[in-house]
Amino acid sequence: MKQRVVVTGMGVMTSLGSDLETFWGNLMAGKSGVSLIEAFDVSEYPTRIAAEIKDFNPELYADKKEARRMDRFVQFAVAASTLAVKDSGIDIGGDVDPERIGVMVGSGIGGLGTWEDQHKILLEKGPKRVSPFFIPMMIANMASGQISMTTGAKGPNSTAVTACATGTHSIGDSFKLIQRGDADMMICGGAEATIRPTGMAGFCSMRAMSTRNDEPEKASRPFDTDRDGFVMGEGAGILILESYEHAIKRGARIYAEVIGYGMSGDAYHMTEPDPEGAARCMTRAIRDAGISPEEVDYINAHGTSTPVGDRSETLAVKKAFGDHAYKLAVSSTKSMTGHLLGAAGGVEAVIVGLTLQNGVIAPTINLENQDPECDLDYVPNKPREANVRTAVSNSFGFGGHNATIVMRKYEA
């Protein structure tokens, strides 16, 4: 018999806040987390804006010595996981068996900052000066590894690396681990820290990012006619998933229930999305949830603010939902958080959990002139009170990797 899986803890590290109350409040206020980049000199870059986390102090979440041995993406992962574990009220090793708690936190790119820093040392000072911590700081699986060491979780431990679908794949895979009885709890989601010279240069060369540098807060504008690319974000989004039976036994507070997961591959193009693949992914998730498309009330869209991507996702929603697509509420919270790449699905799953709990849908801000080819209800500019019972979260990544999870309002 499949286990029911519920969300009992959440944690974020974003440009809109690092505690759930502040984060949700800023989303409800339609606030943008995008600003001019301060981390390095961007004067020669076409894009000089990002949803950057200012004044982050990793020593609030890890010992000073250990924090120095973590790349920034790992620091974000550990910080958000620490907050999520605290939010869940669990005592790992105390009232909870550590061997039944796993970790699956991915990153689309991993330790880009560490790679940059150590490559510079290699060129300027030679191979003997490269840090012995270079590799264990840089590799993408170190987020899951360090979270395990920080929390004491000794259960299933792995890492997904599927570009912008990473966070959602991590949550979906964790859902399945619990559903089949391989773990009682999973710490899962994504983390990313690519607001770095090479990261920005690479995406600028692809002409994938917005160059609306004079109006940072208005640069991310999914589904708007004047959108000109995505805005990079950084941070982490973490869920604590738990079997319903385990959660009830310990008297846990439950945010929402995860009921479905779908994944697919486009087999089409390195960077351009195929609506067929995305539609197939959503259809599989709905089928896995055992519901009809008409039961879905809200979609947190991938909605990156790229001309091709937004049109493709709109078409995919129509293919997956038919006439019901026009009755759905669809919003892109990337309009406020920026695009956190491998962390996006984690942060957006937290948003869906809060939506189901609070009965309010976060808006798509900066939607001033809706693209005629994007003709769905994108909840423009203001939050909307709604009785959302079932919601979908989409993530689509380079390489044609697609992931969708279905979450439902918790009912005992």
Protein backbone atom coordinates (compact mmCIF):
# COMPACT_ATOMS: atom_id res chain seq x y z
CA MET A 1 0.00 0.00 0.00
CA LYS A 2 1.35 3.44 -0.96
CA GLN A 3 2.08 5.83 1.88
CA ARG A 4 0.42 9.24 1.88
CA VAL A 5 3.06 12.00 1.86
CA VAL A 6 2.64 15.38 3.52
CA VAL A 7 4.66 18.58 3.90
CA THR A 8 5.54 19.28 7.54
CA GLY A 9 8.34 21.84 7.25
CA MET A 10 9.57 24.49 4.83
CA GLY A 11 12.56 26.78 4.55
CA VAL A 12 13.74 29.38 2.05
CA MET A 13 16.77 31.52 1.39
CA THR A 14 15.85 34.16 -1.21
CA SER A 15 16.20 37.80 -2.14
CA LEU A 16 12.66 38.27 -0.77
CA GLY A 17 13.49 36.93 2.68
CA SER A 18 14.78 33.99 4.63
CA ASP A 19 11.84 33.40 6.93
CA LEU A 20 8.47 32.21 5.70
CA GLU A 21 6.50 35.15 7.09
CA THR A 22 8.70 37.79 5.44
CA PHE A 23 8.94 35.81 2.22
CA TRP A 24 5.18 35.32 1.94
CA GLY A 25 4.50 38.92 2.90
CA ASN A 26 6.73 40.20 0.12
CA LEU A 27 5.07 37.90 -2.41
CA MET A 28 1.66 39.14 -1.34
CA ALA A 29 2.87 42.74 -1.66
CA GLY A 30 4.03 42.04 -5.21
CA LYS A 31 7.56 43.04 -4.31
CA SER A 32 10.45 42.36 -6.67
CA GLY A 33 13.69 40.97 -5.28
CA VAL A 34 15.65 42.13 -8.32
CA SER A 35 18.32 44.84 -8.04
CA LEU A 36 21.70 45.87 -9.40
CA ILE A 37 24.38 43.24 -8.78
CA GLU A 38 26.78 44.14 -5.98
CA ALA A 39 28.85 40.94 -5.77
CA PHE A 40 31.28 41.93 -8.52
CA ASP A 41 31.91 44.56 -11.21
CA VAL A 42 29.27 44.14 -13.91
CA SER A 43 30.00 47.33 -15.86
CA GLU A 44 31.01 45.39 -18.98
CA TYR A 45 28.03 43.00 -18.89
CA PRO A 46 24.87 43.49 -20.99
CA THR A 47 22.88 42.30 -17.94
CA ARG A 48 23.76 44.01 -14.65
CA ILE A 49 20.81 42.94 -12.52
CA ALA A 50 19.81 39.85 -10.54
CA ALA A 51 17.75 38.68 -7.57
CA GLU A 52 20.81 38.71 -5.32
CA ILE A 53 20.78 37.84 -1.62
CA LYS A 54 22.41 40.72 0.21
CA ASP A 55 24.30 40.42 3.50
CA PHE A 56 23.98 36.63 3.81
CA ASN A 57 25.82 35.32 6.89
CA PRO A 58 26.47 31.56 6.67
CA GLU A 59 27.81 31.51 10.23
CA LEU A 60 24.24 31.83 11.48
CA TYR A 61 23.67 28.27 10.24
CA ALA A 62 27.08 26.58 10.41
CA ASP A 63 30.32 26.71 12.38
CA LYS A 64 32.69 29.36 11.00
CA LYS A 65 35.34 26.82 10.03
CA GLU A 66 32.83 24.52 8.34
CA ALA A 67 31.09 27.41 6.56
CA ARG A 68 34.40 28.42 4.97
CA ARG A 69 34.63 24.93 3.48
CA MET A 70 31.26 25.24 1.74
CA ASP A 71 30.53 26.88 -1.59
CA ARG A 72 27.84 29.56 -1.44
CA PHE A 73 25.21 27.19 -2.93
CA VAL A 74 25.93 24.69 -0.14
CA GLN A 75 25.70 27.44 2.46
CA PHE A 76 22.26 28.36 1.10
CA ALA A 77 21.21 24.69 1.16
CA VAL A 78 22.34 24.19 4.75
CA ALA A 79 20.69 27.44 5.85
CA ALA A 80 17.31 26.69 4.26
CA SER A 81 17.42 23.08 5.51
CA THR A 82 18.19 24.23 9.04
CA LEU A 83 15.16 26.52 8.90
CA ALA A 84 12.95 23.79 7.42
CA VAL A 85 13.97 21.23 10.06
CA LYS A 86 13.27 23.78 12.79
CA ASP A 87 9.91 24.60 11.18
CA SER A 88 8.97 20.90 11.18
CA GLY A 89 9.66 20.54 14.90
CA ILE A 90 11.63 17.30 14.49
CA ASP A 91 14.49 16.21 16.71
CA ILE A 92 16.69 13.97 14.55
CA GLY A 93 18.26 11.33 16.74
CA GLY A 94 15.89 12.23 19.55
CA ASP A 95 12.26 11.48 18.79
CA VAL A 96 12.98 10.66 15.13
CA ASP A 97 15.09 7.76 13.80
CA PRO A 98 17.95 9.31 11.75
CA GLU A 99 18.20 6.22 9.55
CA ARG A 100 14.65 6.83 8.33
CA ILE A 101 15.31 10.46 7.32
CA GLY A 102 16.91 11.10 3.94
CA VAL A 103 18.22 14.08 1.98
CA MET A 104 17.81 14.92 -1.68
CA VAL A 105 18.84 18.48 -2.45
CA GLY A 106 20.12 19.25 -5.93
CA SER A 107 21.81 22.06 -7.82
CA GLY A 108 21.70 22.82 -11.51
CA ILE A 109 25.29 24.04 -11.70
CA GLY A 110 26.89 23.51 -8.28
CA GLY A 111 29.93 25.31 -6.92
CA LEU A 112 30.59 27.79 -9.70
CA GLY A 113 32.12 30.36 -7.34
CA THR A 114 34.59 27.85 -5.92
CA TRP A 115 35.55 26.75 -9.42
CA GLU A 116 36.21 30.35 -10.46
CA ASP A 117 38.27 31.15 -7.39
CA GLN A 118 40.42 28.04 -7.56
CA HIS A 119 40.98 28.30 -11.31
CA LYS A 120 42.30 31.82 -10.79
CA ILE A 121 44.69 30.50 -8.11
CA LEU A 122 45.82 27.74 -10.47
CA LEU A 123 46.66 30.25 -13.22
CA GLU A 124 48.28 32.84 -10.97
CA LYS A 125 50.05 30.69 -8.34
CA GLY A 126 50.27 27.19 -9.77
CA PRO A 127 48.76 23.78 -8.98
CA LYS A 128 50.29 23.42 -5.52
CA ARG A 129 48.29 26.37 -4.25
CA VAL A 130 44.89 24.97 -5.25
CA SER A 131 42.85 24.19 -2.14
CA PRO A 132 42.47 20.57 -1.03
CA PHE A 133 38.82 21.50 -0.46
CA PHE A 134 38.33 22.56 -4.10
CA ILE A 135 36.57 19.38 -5.26
CA PRO A 136 34.45 18.67 -2.14
CA MET A 137 33.34 22.31 -2.10
CA MET A 138 32.41 22.39 -5.78
CA ILE A 139 30.58 19.14 -6.55
CA ALA A 140 26.80 19.36 -6.72
CA ASN A 141 26.09 16.47 -4.33
CA MET A 142 27.79 18.30 -1.48
CA ALA A 143 24.56 20.13 -0.64
CA SER A 144 22.93 16.81 0.29
CA GLY A 145 26.16 15.63 1.93
CA GLN A 146 26.58 18.69 4.14
CA ILE A 147 22.89 18.75 5.09
CA SER A 148 23.21 15.14 6.20
CA MET A 149 26.25 16.00 8.31
CA THR A 150 24.63 19.12 9.74
CA THR A 151 21.30 17.50 10.64
CA GLY A 152 22.36 13.90 11.30
CA ALA A 153 19.99 12.47 8.67
CA LYS A 154 21.30 8.99 7.75
CA GLY A 155 18.61 7.73 5.37
CA PRO A 156 18.55 7.75 1.54
CA ASN A 157 20.88 10.46 0.26
CA SER A 158 21.22 11.57 -3.35
CA THR A 159 21.35 14.53 -5.71
CA ALA A 160 19.50 15.47 -8.88
CA VAL A 161 21.23 17.66 -11.48
CA THR A 162 18.67 18.48 -14.15
CA ALA A 163 19.24 22.18 -14.76
CA CYS A 164 16.14 24.23 -13.91
CA ALA A 165 14.07 21.10 -13.19
CA THR A 166 16.42 20.04 -10.36
CA GLY A 167 14.42 21.24 -7.35
CA THR A 168 11.18 19.69 -8.55
CA HIS A 169 12.85 16.40 -9.49
CA SER A 170 14.38 16.31 -5.99
CA ILE A 171 10.98 16.76 -4.36
CA GLY A 172 9.26 14.31 -6.69
CA ASP A 173 11.92 11.63 -6.21
CA SER A 174 11.73 12.13 -2.44
CA PHE A 175 7.95 11.81 -2.57
CA LYS A 176 8.34 8.42 -4.27
CA LEU A 177 10.93 7.23 -1.73
CA ILE A 178 8.50 7.89 1.11
CA GLN A 179 5.50 6.62 -0.82
CA ARG A 180 7.11 3.20 -1.28
CA GLY A 181 8.30 3.02 2.33
CA ASP A 182 12.05 3.58 1.91
CA ALA A 183 12.05 6.58 4.27
CA ASP A 184 9.75 8.21 6.81
CA MET A 185 10.98 11.73 6.06
CA MET A 186 13.00 13.52 3.37
CA ILE A 187 14.75 16.89 3.40
CA CYS A 188 14.45 17.91 -0.25
CA GLY A 189 14.64 20.77 -2.73
CA GLY A 190 17.31 22.77 -4.53
CA ALA A 191 20.06 25.35 -4.07
CA GLU A 192 21.93 27.60 -6.48
CA ALA A 193 24.54 30.38 -6.44
CA THR A 194 25.46 31.36 -9.99
CA ILE A 195 25.50 35.16 -9.76
CA ARG A 196 29.18 35.00 -10.60
CA PRO A 197 31.29 36.42 -13.47
CA THR A 198 31.31 33.20 -15.53
CA GLY A 199 27.69 32.37 -14.82
CA MET A 200 26.49 35.81 -15.84
CA ALA A 201 28.81 35.89 -18.87
CA GLY A 202 27.58 32.52 -20.11
CA PHE A 203 23.90 33.39 -19.92
CA CYS A 204 24.59 36.86 -21.39
CA SER A 205 26.32 35.23 -24.36
CA MET A 206 23.21 33.12 -24.89
CA ARG A 207 21.15 36.34 -24.89
CA ALA A 208 18.84 34.61 -22.46
CA MET A 209 18.66 37.30 -19.77
CA SER A 210 16.84 40.61 -19.51
CA THR A 211 18.85 43.76 -20.16
CA ARG A 212 16.32 46.07 -18.51
CA ASN A 213 19.07 47.39 -16.23
CA ASP A 214 17.47 50.79 -15.62
CA GLU A 215 14.33 49.20 -14.13
CA PRO A 216 15.49 46.10 -12.23
CA GLU A 217 12.18 45.59 -10.44
CA LYS A 218 10.34 45.46 -13.77
CA ALA A 219 12.81 43.25 -15.63
CA SER A 220 11.20 39.88 -14.90
CA ARG A 221 7.83 40.05 -16.65
CA PRO A 222 6.52 36.60 -17.60
CA PHE A 223 3.83 36.44 -20.29
CA ASP A 224 4.19 40.17 -21.00
CA THR A 225 4.67 41.37 -24.59
CA ASP A 226 7.75 43.37 -23.57
CA ARG A 227 9.60 40.56 -21.79
CA ASP A 228 13.19 40.21 -22.98
CA GLY A 229 14.63 37.32 -20.98
CA PHE A 230 14.90 35.88 -17.50
CA VAL A 231 16.50 37.44 -14.43
CA MET A 232 18.90 35.25 -12.49
CA GLY A 233 18.22 34.57 -8.83
CA GLU A 234 20.07 32.70 -6.11
CA GLY A 235 19.20 30.87 -2.91
CA ALA A 236 17.48 27.69 -1.81
CA GLY A 237 14.05 26.20 -1.22
CA ILE A 238 13.60 23.17 1.04
CA LEU A 239 10.63 21.00 2.01
CA ILE A 240 10.36 18.44 4.77
CA LEU A 241 8.29 15.61 3.32
CA GLU A 242 6.94 13.00 5.70
CA SER A 243 4.69 9.98 5.58
CA TYR A 244 1.22 10.85 6.81
CA GLU A 245 1.32 8.07 9.39
CA HIS A 246 4.64 9.29 10.81
CA ALA A 247 3.47 12.90 10.89
CA ILE A 248 0.22 12.08 12.69
CA LYS A 249 2.01 9.89 15.21
CA ARG A 250 4.28 12.76 16.28
CA GLY A 251 1.53 15.40 16.12
CA ALA A 252 3.11 17.38 13.33
CA ARG A 253 1.67 20.54 11.78
CA ILE A 254 0.83 19.72 8.14
CA TYR A 255 1.00 22.37 5.39
CA ALA A 256 -0.19 20.32 2.42
CA GLU A 257 -0.12 16.88 0.81
CA VAL A 258 1.95 15.81 -2.21
CA ILE A 259 -0.17 13.53 -4.38
CA GLY A 260 1.46 13.29 -7.82
CA TYR A 261 4.74 13.47 -9.73
CA GLY A 262 5.53 13.40 -13.43
CA MET A 263 8.71 13.63 -15.46
CA SER A 264 9.56 13.53 -19.15
CA GLY A 265 12.23 14.33 -21.72
CA ASP A 266 11.72 16.50 -24.80
CA ALA A 267 14.27 14.72 -27.04
CA TYR A 268 14.21 17.97 -28.99
CA HIS A 269 16.81 20.73 -28.33
CA MET A 270 19.54 21.71 -25.86
CA THR A 271 17.88 24.92 -24.74
CA GLU A 272 14.57 25.42 -26.57
CA PRO A 273 11.54 23.82 -24.88
CA ASP A 274 9.06 21.54 -26.62
CA PRO A 275 5.45 21.98 -25.46
CA GLU A 276 4.74 18.31 -26.19
CA GLY A 277 7.26 17.23 -23.56
CA ALA A 278 5.97 19.65 -20.94
CA ALA A 279 2.36 18.65 -21.60
CA ARG A 280 3.28 14.97 -21.31
CA CYS A 281 4.97 15.69 -17.97
CA MET A 282 1.90 17.44 -16.54
CA THR A 283 -0.38 14.67 -17.80
CA ARG A 284 1.78 12.03 -16.11
CA ALA A 285 1.74 13.94 -12.82
CA ILE A 286 -2.04 14.27 -12.89
CA ARG A 287 -2.43 10.59 -13.72
CA ASP A 288 -0.04 9.67 -10.89
CA ALA A 289 -2.15 11.78 -8.52
CA GLY A 290 -5.24 9.82 -9.52
CA ILE A 291 -7.22 12.94 -10.35
CA SER A 292 -8.76 14.48 -13.46
CA PRO A 293 -7.29 17.63 -15.07
CA GLU A 294 -10.48 19.48 -14.11
CA GLU A 295 -9.64 19.08 -10.42
CA VAL A 296 -6.56 21.31 -10.68
CA ASP A 297 -7.22 24.88 -9.54
CA TYR A 298 -3.80 26.56 -9.82
CA ILE A 299 -0.49 26.17 -11.63
CA ASN A 300 2.72 27.76 -10.39
CA ALA A 301 4.26 28.11 -13.83
CA HIS A 302 7.87 27.67 -14.84
CA GLY A 303 7.24 31.11 -16.41
CA THR A 304 10.79 32.37 -16.83
CA SER A 305 10.03 35.55 -18.81
CA THR A 306 11.74 34.36 -22.00
CA PRO A 307 9.83 34.94 -25.25
CA VAL A 308 9.99 31.31 -26.38
CA GLY A 309 9.61 29.66 -22.96
CA ASP A 310 6.42 31.44 -21.88
CA ARG A 311 4.67 30.74 -25.17
CA SER A 312 5.75 27.10 -25.06
CA GLU A 313 4.47 26.58 -21.52
CA THR A 314 1.15 28.25 -22.34
CA LEU A 315 0.71 25.86 -25.25
CA ALA A 316 1.70 22.92 -23.04
CA VAL A 317 -0.93 23.82 -20.44
CA LYS A 318 -3.58 23.91 -23.18
CA LYS A 319 -2.47 20.52 -24.48
CA ALA A 320 -2.52 18.98 -20.99
CA PHE A 321 -5.75 20.56 -19.71
CA GLY A 322 -7.86 21.20 -22.80
CA ASP A 323 -10.72 23.64 -22.22
CA HIS A 324 -10.02 23.61 -18.49
CA ALA A 325 -6.80 25.57 -19.17
CA TYR A 326 -8.90 28.74 -19.41
CA LYS A 327 -10.50 28.10 -16.01
CA LEU A 328 -7.17 27.67 -14.22
CA ALA A 329 -5.28 30.33 -12.33
CA VAL A 330 -1.66 30.36 -13.53
CA SER A 331 1.04 32.61 -12.06
CA SER A 332 4.79 32.97 -12.31
CA THR A 333 6.40 33.94 -9.02
CA LYS A 334 9.72 34.24 -10.87
CA SER A 335 8.44 37.73 -11.67
CA MET A 336 9.39 38.49 -8.04
CA THR A 337 12.06 35.95 -7.04
CA GLY A 338 13.94 35.84 -10.32
CA HIS A 339 14.89 32.46 -11.77
CA LEU A 340 16.80 30.41 -9.19
CA LEU A 341 17.73 27.73 -11.76
CA GLY A 342 18.21 24.47 -9.83
CA ALA A 343 16.64 25.99 -6.71
CA ALA A 344 13.54 27.31 -8.51
CA GLY A 345 11.42 24.19 -8.02
CA GLY A 346 12.20 24.10 -4.31
CA VAL A 347 11.24 27.72 -3.71
CA GLU A 348 8.12 27.39 -5.85
CA ALA A 349 6.99 24.24 -4.02
CA VAL A 350 7.20 26.26 -0.79
CA ILE A 351 5.04 28.93 -2.45
CA VAL A 352 2.48 26.30 -3.49
CA GLY A 353 2.42 24.93 0.07
CA LEU A 354 1.74 28.41 1.44
CA THR A 355 -0.90 29.01 -1.26
CA LEU A 356 -2.80 25.86 -0.26
CA GLN A 357 -2.59 26.76 3.41
CA ASN A 358 -3.52 30.45 3.12
CA GLY A 359 -6.02 30.38 0.24
CA VAL A 360 -4.29 33.21 -1.63
CA ILE A 361 -2.53 33.02 -5.01
CA ALA A 362 0.67 35.01 -5.49
CA PRO A 363 0.54 37.23 -8.60
CA THR A 364 2.55 37.55 -11.77
CA ILE A 365 3.86 41.09 -11.39
CA ASN A 366 4.90 43.39 -14.26
CA LEU A 367 2.19 41.90 -16.48
CA GLU A 368 1.15 45.15 -18.16
CA ASN A 369 0.62 44.13 -21.80
CA GLN A 370 -0.25 40.46 -22.02
CA ASP A 371 1.19 38.57 -24.99
CA PRO A 372 -1.75 37.55 -27.25
CA GLU A 373 -0.14 34.11 -27.62
CA CYS A 374 -0.14 33.77 -23.83
CA ASP A 375 -3.88 33.95 -23.30
CA LEU A 376 -4.47 32.22 -19.95
CA ASP A 377 -5.34 33.72 -16.55
CA TYR A 378 -1.95 34.67 -15.10
CA VAL A 379 -3.23 36.44 -11.94
CA PRO A 380 -1.78 39.81 -13.02
CA ASN A 381 -0.09 42.16 -10.54
CA LYS A 382 -2.20 41.54 -7.42
CA PRO A 383 -2.67 38.47 -5.19
CA ARG A 384 -6.02 36.71 -5.42
CA GLU A 385 -8.01 35.04 -2.70
CA ALA A 386 -9.11 31.64 -3.92
CA ASN A 387 -10.15 28.27 -2.53
CA VAL A 388 -7.23 26.37 -4.05
CA ARG A 389 -7.65 22.69 -3.31
CA THR A 390 -5.25 21.20 -5.86
CA ALA A 391 -2.18 22.85 -7.36
CA VAL A 392 0.56 22.00 -9.83
CA SER A 393 4.18 23.22 -9.89
CA ASN A 394 6.13 23.05 -13.16
CA SER A 395 9.89 23.09 -13.79
CA PHE A 396 11.53 22.66 -17.18
CA GLY A 397 15.29 22.52 -17.69
CA PHE A 398 17.93 22.76 -20.41
CA GLY A 399 18.38 19.40 -22.08
CA GLY A 400 14.62 18.92 -22.23
CA HIS A 401 14.23 17.79 -18.62
CA ASN A 402 10.66 18.28 -17.36
CA ALA A 403 9.27 17.83 -13.84
CA THR A 404 5.82 18.44 -12.36
CA ILE A 405 4.48 17.86 -8.87
CA VAL A 406 0.86 17.96 -7.74
CA MET A 407 -0.01 19.16 -4.24
CA ARG A 408 -3.35 19.18 -2.47
CA LYS A 409 -4.81 21.08 0.45
CA TYR A 410 -4.42 18.93 3.53
CA GLU A 411 -7.50 17.08 4.70
CA ALA A 412 -7.25 14.47 7.44
